[in-house]
Amino acid sequence: MATAPLTTIGARSGQRREVQLMYFHDGRDPILIASNGGGNRHPGWYHNLKTHPECELGGEKFSATEVTDPDERARLFGLADRVFSGFADYRTETAAFGRQIPIFRLEPR
């Protein structure tokens, strides 16, 4: 699975934040899965992208949109599972907490 640094602006601090993330492509668009390793909370970068959708992945500029359509989410999780089988386990783990794992599509800007 590919990884790259995701650079965001902190939701509360307004400071630049960087985290190394796994991602995959759907067509030309990078897809990010906010699994937080199956934890009971969304990762910090999730909140950053919700507040400030302009970001960089691997030095390229993007605008992030959360995927909310159930059919599109299911399709993207199908792709994600082919790239990293652990995502299926993470969905099971987070369901026990009542957390739905967010998905972001990054579109070039």
Protein backbone atom coordinates (compact mmCIF):
# COMPACT_ATOMS: atom_id res chain seq x y z
CA MET A 1 0.00 0.00 0.00
CA ALA A 2 1.23 3.47 -0.84
CA THR A 3 1.97 6.00 1.88
CA ALA A 4 2.63 9.71 1.74
CA PRO A 5 2.68 12.68 4.09
CA LEU A 6 -0.69 14.40 4.47
CA THR A 7 -0.35 18.07 5.38
CA THR A 8 -3.38 19.74 6.91
CA ILE A 9 -4.20 22.85 8.92
CA GLY A 10 -5.11 22.12 12.54
CA ALA A 11 -8.84 22.45 13.21
CA ARG A 12 -8.30 24.29 16.48
CA SER A 13 -4.69 25.48 16.35
CA GLY A 14 -4.53 26.73 12.76
CA GLN A 15 -1.01 25.27 12.62
CA ARG A 16 0.30 23.08 9.81
CA ARG A 17 0.12 19.39 10.72
CA GLU A 18 1.72 16.46 8.95
CA VAL A 19 1.03 12.74 9.29
CA GLN A 20 2.12 9.78 7.18
CA LEU A 21 -0.93 7.95 5.78
CA MET A 22 -1.83 4.98 3.66
CA TYR A 23 -3.92 5.83 0.61
CA PHE A 24 -5.07 4.37 -2.69
CA HIS A 25 -6.43 5.81 -5.91
CA ASP A 26 -9.92 5.72 -7.36
CA GLY A 27 -9.19 6.86 -10.87
CA ARG A 28 -6.92 9.86 -10.44
CA ASP A 29 -8.24 10.79 -6.98
CA PRO A 30 -6.44 9.67 -3.82
CA ILE A 31 -8.72 8.07 -1.22
CA LEU A 32 -8.05 8.32 2.53
CA ILE A 33 -9.63 6.03 5.11
CA ALA A 34 -9.89 7.61 8.59
CA SER A 35 -9.72 4.26 10.40
CA ASN A 36 -7.42 5.33 13.24
CA GLY A 37 -6.36 1.69 13.46
CA GLY A 38 -9.86 0.60 14.46
CA GLY A 39 -9.89 2.96 17.47
CA ASN A 40 -12.99 4.45 19.03
CA ARG A 41 -12.27 8.02 17.82
CA HIS A 42 -11.63 9.65 14.49
CA PRO A 43 -7.97 10.57 13.91
CA GLY A 44 -6.95 14.20 14.40
CA TRP A 45 -6.45 14.71 10.67
CA TYR A 46 -10.14 13.90 10.13
CA HIS A 47 -11.15 16.98 12.14
CA ASN A 48 -8.51 19.05 10.35
CA LEU A 49 -9.90 18.13 6.91
CA LYS A 50 -13.49 18.74 8.00
CA THR A 51 -12.56 22.25 9.14
CA HIS A 52 -9.95 23.02 6.46
CA PRO A 53 -10.45 20.78 3.38
CA GLU A 54 -7.48 22.28 1.51
CA CYS A 55 -4.53 19.93 2.03
CA GLU A 56 -1.43 18.41 0.48
CA LEU A 57 -0.65 14.75 -0.06
CA GLY A 58 2.90 13.96 -1.02
CA GLY A 59 3.48 17.64 -1.79
CA GLU A 60 0.55 17.89 -4.24
CA LYS A 61 -2.37 20.22 -3.47
CA PHE A 62 -5.88 18.82 -3.01
CA SER A 63 -9.29 19.62 -1.66
CA ALA A 64 -10.83 16.91 0.55
CA THR A 65 -14.47 15.86 0.50
CA GLU A 66 -15.95 13.31 2.88
CA VAL A 67 -17.75 10.52 1.03
CA THR A 68 -21.19 10.14 2.59
CA ASP A 69 -23.21 8.29 -0.07
CA PRO A 70 -23.72 4.72 1.24
CA ASP A 71 -23.29 3.05 -2.16
CA GLU A 72 -20.11 4.99 -2.91
CA ARG A 73 -18.75 4.22 0.57
CA ALA A 74 -19.41 0.50 0.02
CA ARG A 75 -17.70 0.62 -3.39
CA LEU A 76 -14.66 2.43 -2.00
CA PHE A 77 -14.38 0.06 0.97
CA GLY A 78 -14.41 -2.80 -1.55
CA LEU A 79 -11.39 -1.20 -3.22
CA ALA A 80 -9.76 -0.46 0.14
CA ASP A 81 -10.13 -4.07 1.27
CA ARG A 82 -8.21 -5.22 -1.82
CA VAL A 83 -5.36 -2.88 -0.95
CA PHE A 84 -5.26 -3.57 2.81
CA SER A 85 -7.32 -6.39 4.30
CA GLY A 86 -7.07 -4.84 7.79
CA PHE A 87 -9.71 -2.25 6.87
CA ALA A 88 -12.42 -4.94 7.18
CA ASP A 89 -11.22 -5.71 10.71
CA TYR A 90 -11.17 -2.00 11.55
CA ARG A 91 -14.80 -1.63 10.42
CA THR A 92 -15.80 -4.51 12.71
CA GLU A 93 -13.85 -3.03 15.63
CA THR A 94 -15.26 0.47 15.21
CA ALA A 95 -18.82 -0.82 14.83
CA ALA A 96 -18.55 -2.10 18.42
CA PHE A 97 -17.99 1.55 19.46
CA GLY A 98 -20.76 2.82 17.21
CA ARG A 99 -18.22 4.66 15.05
CA GLN A 100 -18.48 4.71 11.26
CA ILE A 101 -15.08 5.04 9.59
CA PRO A 102 -14.98 8.16 7.39
CA ILE A 103 -13.64 8.15 3.84
CA PHE A 104 -12.21 11.19 2.05
CA ARG A 105 -11.76 11.76 -1.66
CA LEU A 106 -8.98 14.18 -2.56
CA GLU A 107 -9.47 16.20 -5.72
CA PRO A 108 -6.63 18.17 -7.31
CA ARG A 109 -6.85 21.93 -6.95
